[in-house]
């Protein structure tokens, strides 16, 4: 079974992209399943079910969705093998644009849309920089010039990735994307011993443990403070 990890900002068109791609893969006799990761709610699993795609979903709740992903990905792979899938796609939203649930030697895809703004690629961290393939969506809504500028910004952030435009509504480009998913992909039976491409965000503070009160006296653990020393020196105190 081949494992593909797909991530991207919310509403960037990941689900539509995956559905259109699987439609093309099915025609080639490839059995594909999907596991959807999200935080509080998603009904994307119903979309996959309506298309006859084997699917499972996991909601992280109060936990970081990418920490939740790493804690469950081994069981996800076992489920895909039990379902006798040829390809398993995991879908996860990089809600803070910093995380990336990417694993070494496992193909990683980042989905980003043209409507997010030309500076968005610079605002996204490892989720974009560490991807093997970057899919740009919603290109039919902007001009050719805007598409080219946006693509150049993506390439400047991740010059080694394959960049491809796909229309999630009519499926234009989905066939070519499906071919990229099958290139240089290794069959695997377990993720034990594999490593993440980039460390997860580190946070273990009082707020992680349920604290709700504001103030330094309530802040413990891994806390980063902003530097306002210059502002303090310029303050004038009136008596």
C-alpha atoms as a PDB file:
ATOM      1  CA  UNK A   1       0.000   0.000   0.000  1.00  0.00           C
ATOM      2  CA  UNK A   2       1.161   3.497  -0.834  1.00  0.00           C
ATOM      3  CA  UNK A   3       0.608   6.222   1.765  1.00  0.00           C
ATOM      4  CA  UNK A   4       0.053   9.861   0.752  1.00  0.00           C
ATOM      5  CA  UNK A   5      -0.217  12.743   3.233  1.00  0.00           C
ATOM      6  CA  UNK A   6      -2.229  15.762   2.091  1.00  0.00           C
ATOM      7  CA  UNK A   7      -2.385  18.973   4.110  1.00  0.00           C
ATOM      8  CA  UNK A   8      -3.195  22.613   3.538  1.00  0.00           C
ATOM      9  CA  UNK A   9      -5.041  25.618   4.963  1.00  0.00           C
ATOM     10  CA  UNK A  10      -8.769  25.210   5.646  1.00  0.00           C
ATOM     11  CA  UNK A  11     -11.075  25.594   2.610  1.00  0.00           C
ATOM     12  CA  UNK A  12      -8.198  25.401   0.141  1.00  0.00           C
ATOM     13  CA  UNK A  13      -9.980  22.644  -1.801  1.00  0.00           C
ATOM     14  CA  UNK A  14      -8.290  19.500  -0.455  1.00  0.00           C
ATOM     15  CA  UNK A  15     -11.401  17.314  -0.402  1.00  0.00           C
ATOM     16  CA  UNK A  16     -12.515  18.268  -3.920  1.00  0.00           C
ATOM     17  CA  UNK A  17      -8.989  17.655  -5.198  1.00  0.00           C
ATOM     18  CA  UNK A  18      -8.814  14.215  -3.583  1.00  0.00           C
ATOM     19  CA  UNK A  19     -12.253  13.175  -4.880  1.00  0.00           C
ATOM     20  CA  UNK A  20     -11.450  14.169  -8.475  1.00  0.00           C
ATOM     21  CA  UNK A  21      -8.058  12.447  -8.274  1.00  0.00           C
ATOM     22  CA  UNK A  22      -9.537   9.214  -6.916  1.00  0.00           C
ATOM     23  CA  UNK A  23     -12.082   9.181  -9.751  1.00  0.00           C
ATOM     24  CA  UNK A  24      -9.177   9.002 -12.199  1.00  0.00           C
ATOM     25  CA  UNK A  25      -7.255   6.448 -10.119  1.00  0.00           C
ATOM     26  CA  UNK A  26     -10.314   4.183  -9.972  1.00  0.00           C
ATOM     27  CA  UNK A  27     -10.369   4.030 -13.768  1.00  0.00           C
ATOM     28  CA  UNK A  28      -6.839   2.604 -13.594  1.00  0.00           C
ATOM     29  CA  UNK A  29      -7.989  -0.138 -11.214  1.00  0.00           C
ATOM     30  CA  UNK A  30      -6.383   1.449  -8.133  1.00  0.00           C
ATOM     31  CA  UNK A  31      -8.306   1.058  -4.877  1.00  0.00           C
ATOM     32  CA  UNK A  32      -7.956   4.207  -2.755  1.00  0.00           C
ATOM     33  CA  UNK A  33      -9.139   5.017   0.765  1.00  0.00           C
ATOM     34  CA  UNK A  34      -9.094   8.229   2.780  1.00  0.00           C
ATOM     35  CA  UNK A  35      -8.662   9.123   6.446  1.00  0.00           C
ATOM     36  CA  UNK A  36      -9.818  12.632   7.322  1.00  0.00           C
ATOM     37  CA  UNK A  37      -8.274  14.441  10.294  1.00  0.00           C
ATOM     38  CA  UNK A  38      -9.889  17.570  11.736  1.00  0.00           C
ATOM     39  CA  UNK A  39     -10.447  19.417  15.006  1.00  0.00           C
ATOM     40  CA  UNK A  40     -14.055  19.847  16.098  1.00  0.00           C
ATOM     41  CA  UNK A  41     -16.299  18.904  13.181  1.00  0.00           C
ATOM     42  CA  UNK A  42     -16.228  17.652   9.613  1.00  0.00           C
ATOM     43  CA  UNK A  43     -18.752  16.103   7.275  1.00  0.00           C
ATOM     44  CA  UNK A  44     -16.216  15.482   4.505  1.00  0.00           C
ATOM     45  CA  UNK A  45     -16.426  11.784   5.305  1.00  0.00           C
ATOM     46  CA  UNK A  46     -19.998  11.836   3.941  1.00  0.00           C
ATOM     47  CA  UNK A  47     -18.692  13.267   0.665  1.00  0.00           C
ATOM     48  CA  UNK A  48     -16.218  10.408   0.342  1.00  0.00           C
ATOM     49  CA  UNK A  49     -18.865   7.836   1.277  1.00  0.00           C
ATOM     50  CA  UNK A  50     -21.243   9.190  -1.379  1.00  0.00           C
ATOM     51  CA  UNK A  51     -18.485   8.599  -3.946  1.00  0.00           C
ATOM     52  CA  UNK A  52     -17.970   5.006  -2.791  1.00  0.00           C
ATOM     53  CA  UNK A  53     -14.577   5.735  -1.221  1.00  0.00           C
ATOM     54  CA  UNK A  54     -13.583   3.829   1.953  1.00  0.00           C
ATOM     55  CA  UNK A  55     -13.168   6.501   4.638  1.00  0.00           C
ATOM     56  CA  UNK A  56     -12.538   7.041   8.333  1.00  0.00           C
ATOM     57  CA  UNK A  57     -12.419  10.323  10.240  1.00  0.00           C
ATOM     58  CA  UNK A  58     -10.674  11.415  13.416  1.00  0.00           C
ATOM     59  CA  UNK A  59     -11.428  14.551  15.457  1.00  0.00           C
ATOM     60  CA  UNK A  60      -8.664  15.830  17.720  1.00  0.00           C
ATOM     61  CA  UNK A  61     -10.938  17.897  19.975  1.00  0.00           C
ATOM     62  CA  UNK A  62      -8.821  19.937  22.385  1.00  0.00           C
ATOM     63  CA  UNK A  63      -5.563  18.415  21.143  1.00  0.00           C
ATOM     64  CA  UNK A  64      -3.316  19.818  18.403  1.00  0.00           C
ATOM     65  CA  UNK A  65      -4.579  18.105  15.206  1.00  0.00           C
ATOM     66  CA  UNK A  66      -1.083  17.244  13.992  1.00  0.00           C
ATOM     67  CA  UNK A  67      -0.053  15.757  17.345  1.00  0.00           C
ATOM     68  CA  UNK A  68      -3.285  13.764  17.094  1.00  0.00           C
ATOM     69  CA  UNK A  69      -2.284  12.712  13.579  1.00  0.00           C
ATOM     70  CA  UNK A  70       1.124  11.390  14.654  1.00  0.00           C
ATOM     71  CA  UNK A  71      -0.407   9.524  17.587  1.00  0.00           C
ATOM     72  CA  UNK A  72      -2.834   7.668  15.310  1.00  0.00           C
ATOM     73  CA  UNK A  73      -1.085   7.286  11.957  1.00  0.00           C
ATOM     74  CA  UNK A  74       0.231   3.781  12.665  1.00  0.00           C
ATOM     75  CA  UNK A  75      -3.313   2.550  13.373  1.00  0.00           C
ATOM     76  CA  UNK A  76      -4.471   4.350  10.221  1.00  0.00           C
ATOM     77  CA  UNK A  77      -1.965   2.382   8.150  1.00  0.00           C
ATOM     78  CA  UNK A  78      -3.128  -0.892   9.707  1.00  0.00           C
ATOM     79  CA  UNK A  79      -6.718  -0.020   8.777  1.00  0.00           C
ATOM     80  CA  UNK A  80      -5.701   0.660   5.177  1.00  0.00           C
ATOM     81  CA  UNK A  81      -3.920  -2.687   4.946  1.00  0.00           C
ATOM     82  CA  UNK A  82      -6.956  -4.493   6.371  1.00  0.00           C
ATOM     83  CA  UNK A  83      -9.094  -2.802   3.715  1.00  0.00           C
ATOM     84  CA  UNK A  84      -6.612  -4.077   1.077  1.00  0.00           C
ATOM     85  CA  UNK A  85      -6.091  -0.585  -0.326  1.00  0.00           C
ATOM     86  CA  UNK A  86      -3.569   0.120  -3.054  1.00  0.00           C
ATOM     87  CA  UNK A  87      -3.290   3.728  -1.893  1.00  0.00           C
ATOM     88  CA  UNK A  88      -4.240   5.442   1.365  1.00  0.00           C
ATOM     89  CA  UNK A  89      -4.593   9.235   1.497  1.00  0.00           C
ATOM     90  CA  UNK A  90      -4.656  11.142   4.779  1.00  0.00           C
ATOM     91  CA  UNK A  91      -6.164  14.623   4.756  1.00  0.00           C
ATOM     92  CA  UNK A  92      -5.274  17.121   7.476  1.00  0.00           C
ATOM     93  CA  UNK A  93      -5.754  20.893   7.736  1.00  0.00           C
ATOM     94  CA  UNK A  94      -2.729  22.918   8.830  1.00  0.00           C
ATOM     95  CA  UNK A  95      -4.829  25.241  10.931  1.00  0.00           C
ATOM     96  CA  UNK A  96      -1.975  27.464  12.144  1.00  0.00           C
ATOM     97  CA  UNK A  97      -0.043  27.267   8.848  1.00  0.00           C
ATOM     98  CA  UNK A  98       2.976  26.140  10.879  1.00  0.00           C
ATOM     99  CA  UNK A  99       2.456  22.397  11.327  1.00  0.00           C
ATOM    100  CA  UNK A 100       3.048  19.678   8.792  1.00  0.00           C
ATOM    101  CA  UNK A 101       2.174  16.019   9.324  1.00  0.00           C
ATOM    102  CA  UNK A 102       4.840  14.902   6.854  1.00  0.00           C
ATOM    103  CA  UNK A 103       6.885  11.730   7.266  1.00  0.00           C
ATOM    104  CA  UNK A 104      10.276  10.961   5.744  1.00  0.00           C
ATOM    105  CA  UNK A 105      10.050   8.715   2.656  1.00  0.00           C
ATOM    106  CA  UNK A 106       6.247   9.198   2.506  1.00  0.00           C
ATOM    107  CA  UNK A 107       4.947  11.429  -0.298  1.00  0.00           C
ATOM    108  CA  UNK A 108       3.765  14.789   1.041  1.00  0.00           C
ATOM    109  CA  UNK A 109       1.293  17.119  -0.677  1.00  0.00           C
ATOM    110  CA  UNK A 110       0.412  20.712   0.246  1.00  0.00           C
ATOM    111  CA  UNK A 111      -2.761  22.252  -1.194  1.00  0.00           C
ATOM    112  CA  UNK A 112      -2.968  26.041  -1.366  1.00  0.00           C
ATOM    113  CA  UNK A 113      -5.400  28.276  -3.250  1.00  0.00           C
ATOM    114  CA  UNK A 114      -4.896  31.374  -5.378  1.00  0.00           C
ATOM    115  CA  UNK A 115      -7.446  33.368  -3.375  1.00  0.00           C
ATOM    116  CA  UNK A 116      -5.398  33.293  -0.170  1.00  0.00           C
ATOM    117  CA  UNK A 117      -3.183  36.203  -1.282  1.00  0.00           C
ATOM    118  CA  UNK A 118       0.194  36.435  -2.999  1.00  0.00           C
ATOM    119  CA  UNK A 119       2.059  36.694   0.326  1.00  0.00           C
ATOM    120  CA  UNK A 120       0.473  33.559   1.786  1.00  0.00           C
ATOM    121  CA  UNK A 121       3.270  31.187   0.666  1.00  0.00           C
ATOM    122  CA  UNK A 122       5.706  33.144   2.832  1.00  0.00           C
ATOM    123  CA  UNK A 123       3.380  32.884   5.819  1.00  0.00           C
ATOM    124  CA  UNK A 124       3.202  29.091   5.671  1.00  0.00           C
ATOM    125  CA  UNK A 125       5.939  27.121   7.378  1.00  0.00           C
ATOM    126  CA  UNK A 126       7.004  23.461   6.990  1.00  0.00           C
ATOM    127  CA  UNK A 127       3.575  22.545   5.643  1.00  0.00           C
ATOM    128  CA  UNK A 128       4.610  24.182   2.361  1.00  0.00           C
ATOM    129  CA  UNK A 129       8.411  24.166   2.567  1.00  0.00           C
ATOM    130  CA  UNK A 130       8.697  20.419   3.241  1.00  0.00           C
ATOM    131  CA  UNK A 131       6.145  19.211   0.657  1.00  0.00           C
ATOM    132  CA  UNK A 132       7.044  17.057  -2.359  1.00  0.00           C
ATOM    133  CA  UNK A 133       4.089  18.322  -4.392  1.00  0.00           C
ATOM    134  CA  UNK A 134       2.325  21.682  -4.134  1.00  0.00           C
ATOM    135  CA  UNK A 135      -1.156  21.817  -5.664  1.00  0.00           C
ATOM    136  CA  UNK A 136      -2.555  25.269  -6.407  1.00  0.00           C
ATOM    137  CA  UNK A 137      -6.351  25.430  -6.641  1.00  0.00           C
ATOM    138  CA  UNK A 138      -9.043  27.976  -7.613  1.00  0.00           C
ATOM    139  CA  UNK A 139      -6.992  29.266 -10.531  1.00  0.00           C
ATOM    140  CA  UNK A 140     -10.146  29.714 -12.606  1.00  0.00           C
ATOM    141  CA  UNK A 141     -11.205  32.638 -10.415  1.00  0.00           C
ATOM    142  CA  UNK A 142      -8.087  34.788 -10.882  1.00  0.00           C
ATOM    143  CA  UNK A 143      -6.253  36.125 -13.946  1.00  0.00           C
ATOM    144  CA  UNK A 144      -3.344  34.437 -15.699  1.00  0.00           C
ATOM    145  CA  UNK A 145      -0.966  37.082 -14.362  1.00  0.00           C
ATOM    146  CA  UNK A 146      -2.131  36.467 -10.781  1.00  0.00           C
ATOM    147  CA  UNK A 147      -1.688  32.709 -11.228  1.00  0.00           C
ATOM    148  CA  UNK A 148       1.873  33.167 -12.462  1.00  0.00           C
ATOM    149  CA  UNK A 149       2.822  35.543  -9.640  1.00  0.00           C
ATOM    150  CA  UNK A 150       1.324  33.221  -7.029  1.00  0.00           C
ATOM    151  CA  UNK A 151       3.109  30.176  -8.485  1.00  0.00           C
ATOM    152  CA  UNK A 152       6.422  32.059  -8.476  1.00  0.00           C
ATOM    153  CA  UNK A 153       5.943  32.871  -4.780  1.00  0.00           C
ATOM    154  CA  UNK A 154       5.317  29.189  -4.071  1.00  0.00           C
ATOM    155  CA  UNK A 155       8.456  28.175  -5.964  1.00  0.00           C
ATOM    156  CA  UNK A 156      10.542  30.756  -4.095  1.00  0.00           C
ATOM    157  CA  UNK A 157       9.518  29.126  -0.808  1.00  0.00           C
ATOM    158  CA  UNK A 158       9.868  25.505  -1.993  1.00  0.00           C
ATOM    159  CA  UNK A 159      11.966  25.311  -5.176  1.00  0.00           C
ATOM    160  CA  UNK A 160      12.339  21.519  -5.110  1.00  0.00           C
ATOM    161  CA  UNK A 161       8.619  20.672  -5.129  1.00  0.00           C
ATOM    162  CA  UNK A 162       6.526  19.758  -8.157  1.00  0.00           C
ATOM    163  CA  UNK A 163       3.994  22.589  -8.557  1.00  0.00           C
ATOM    164  CA  UNK A 164       0.753  21.816 -10.368  1.00  0.00           C
ATOM    165  CA  UNK A 165      -2.557  23.648 -10.879  1.00  0.00           C
ATOM    166  CA  UNK A 166      -5.729  21.612 -10.388  1.00  0.00           C
ATOM    167  CA  UNK A 167      -9.370  22.651 -10.685  1.00  0.00           C
ATOM    168  CA  UNK A 168     -11.335  20.901  -7.962  1.00  0.00           C
ATOM    169  CA  UNK A 169     -14.682  21.590  -9.656  1.00  0.00           C
ATOM    170  CA  UNK A 170     -14.139  20.114 -13.116  1.00  0.00           C
ATOM    171  CA  UNK A 171     -11.103  17.965 -12.297  1.00  0.00           C
ATOM    172  CA  UNK A 172      -8.745  19.630 -14.764  1.00  0.00           C
ATOM    173  CA  UNK A 173      -5.223  18.610 -13.785  1.00  0.00           C
ATOM    174  CA  UNK A 174      -6.381  15.796 -11.460  1.00  0.00           C
ATOM    175  CA  UNK A 175      -5.175  13.086 -13.857  1.00  0.00           C
ATOM    176  CA  UNK A 176      -1.658  14.565 -13.975  1.00  0.00           C
ATOM    177  CA  UNK A 177      -1.706  14.907 -10.181  1.00  0.00           C
ATOM    178  CA  UNK A 178      -2.638  11.228  -9.874  1.00  0.00           C
ATOM    179  CA  UNK A 179       0.388  10.314 -11.978  1.00  0.00           C
ATOM    180  CA  UNK A 180       2.646  12.324  -9.654  1.00  0.00           C
ATOM    181  CA  UNK A 181       1.235  10.455  -6.656  1.00  0.00           C
ATOM    182  CA  UNK A 182       2.315   7.140  -8.151  1.00  0.00           C
ATOM    183  CA  UNK A 183       5.874   8.198  -9.045  1.00  0.00           C
ATOM    184  CA  UNK A 184       8.699   6.869  -6.871  1.00  0.00           C
ATOM    185  CA  UNK A 185       6.259   5.720  -4.211  1.00  0.00           C
ATOM    186  CA  UNK A 186       7.231   2.770  -2.043  1.00  0.00           C
ATOM    187  CA  UNK A 187       4.928   0.040  -0.863  1.00  0.00           C
ATOM    188  CA  UNK A 188       4.927  -0.047   2.905  1.00  0.00           C
ATOM    189  CA  UNK A 189       3.401  -2.196   5.629  1.00  0.00           C
ATOM    190  CA  UNK A 190       4.293  -0.222   8.757  1.00  0.00           C
ATOM    191  CA  UNK A 191       5.475   3.210   9.878  1.00  0.00           C
ATOM    192  CA  UNK A 192       7.410   1.934  12.885  1.00  0.00           C
ATOM    193  CA  UNK A 193      10.860   3.497  12.913  1.00  0.00           C
ATOM    194  CA  UNK A 194       9.881   6.274  10.496  1.00  0.00           C
ATOM    195  CA  UNK A 195      10.550   9.906  11.418  1.00  0.00           C
ATOM    196  CA  UNK A 196       8.781  13.208  10.884  1.00  0.00           C
ATOM    197  CA  UNK A 197      10.341  15.593   8.393  1.00  0.00           C
ATOM    198  CA  UNK A 198      10.082  18.488  10.854  1.00  0.00           C
ATOM    199  CA  UNK A 199       9.490  18.653  14.622  1.00  0.00           C
ATOM    200  CA  UNK A 200       6.020  19.501  15.846  1.00  0.00           C
ATOM    201  CA  UNK A 201       5.461  22.820  17.666  1.00  0.00           C
ATOM    202  CA  UNK A 202       6.598  22.578  21.266  1.00  0.00           C
ATOM    203  CA  UNK A 203       4.150  23.716  23.915  1.00  0.00           C
ATOM    204  CA  UNK A 204       3.592  22.511  27.446  1.00  0.00           C
ATOM    205  CA  UNK A 205       2.309  25.419  29.457  1.00  0.00           C
ATOM    206  CA  UNK A 206      -0.381  26.054  32.057  1.00  0.00           C
ATOM    207  CA  UNK A 207      -2.903  26.825  29.311  1.00  0.00           C
ATOM    208  CA  UNK A 208      -2.233  23.437  27.698  1.00  0.00           C
ATOM    209  CA  UNK A 209      -3.250  21.890  31.014  1.00  0.00           C
ATOM    210  CA  UNK A 210      -6.542  23.762  31.277  1.00  0.00           C
ATOM    211  CA  UNK A 211      -5.647  27.119  32.846  1.00  0.00           C
ATOM    212  CA  UNK A 212      -8.008  29.928  31.813  1.00  0.00           C
ATOM    213  CA  UNK A 213      -6.857  32.861  33.974  1.00  0.00           C
ATOM    214  CA  UNK A 214      -4.734  35.599  32.398  1.00  0.00           C
ATOM    215  CA  UNK A 215      -1.614  36.994  34.043  1.00  0.00           C
ATOM    216  CA  UNK A 216       2.069  36.164  34.545  1.00  0.00           C
ATOM    217  CA  UNK A 217       1.360  34.526  37.899  1.00  0.00           C
ATOM    218  CA  UNK A 218      -0.748  31.925  36.084  1.00  0.00           C
ATOM    219  CA  UNK A 219       1.750  31.248  33.277  1.00  0.00           C
ATOM    220  CA  UNK A 220       4.055  28.241  33.723  1.00  0.00           C
ATOM    221  CA  UNK A 221       6.066  25.953  31.480  1.00  0.00           C
ATOM    222  CA  UNK A 222       7.038  26.698  27.880  1.00  0.00           C
ATOM    223  CA  UNK A 223       6.068  30.371  27.567  1.00  0.00           C
ATOM    224  CA  UNK A 224       7.489  32.891  25.089  1.00  0.00           C
ATOM    225  CA  UNK A 225       7.116  36.608  25.833  1.00  0.00           C
ATOM    226  CA  UNK A 226       7.351  39.522  23.410  1.00  0.00           C
ATOM    227  CA  UNK A 227      10.069  42.135  23.940  1.00  0.00           C
ATOM    228  CA  UNK A 228       8.682  45.577  24.760  1.00  0.00           C
ATOM    229  CA  UNK A 229      11.867  46.942  26.394  1.00  0.00           C
ATOM    230  CA  UNK A 230      12.262  49.717  23.782  1.00  0.00           C
ATOM    231  CA  UNK A 231       8.720  50.887  24.397  1.00  0.00           C
ATOM    232  CA  UNK A 232       9.268  50.982  28.148  1.00  0.00           C
ATOM    233  CA  UNK A 233      12.384  53.166  27.817  1.00  0.00           C
ATOM    234  CA  UNK A 234      10.464  55.707  25.744  1.00  0.00           C
ATOM    235  CA  UNK A 235       7.537  55.976  28.142  1.00  0.00           C
ATOM    236  CA  UNK A 236       7.107  59.273  30.018  1.00  0.00           C
ATOM    237  CA  UNK A 237       5.854  59.003  33.556  1.00  0.00           C
ATOM    238  CA  UNK A 238       3.808  61.898  34.869  1.00  0.00           C
ATOM    239  CA  UNK A 239       3.251  62.364  38.569  1.00  0.00           C
END
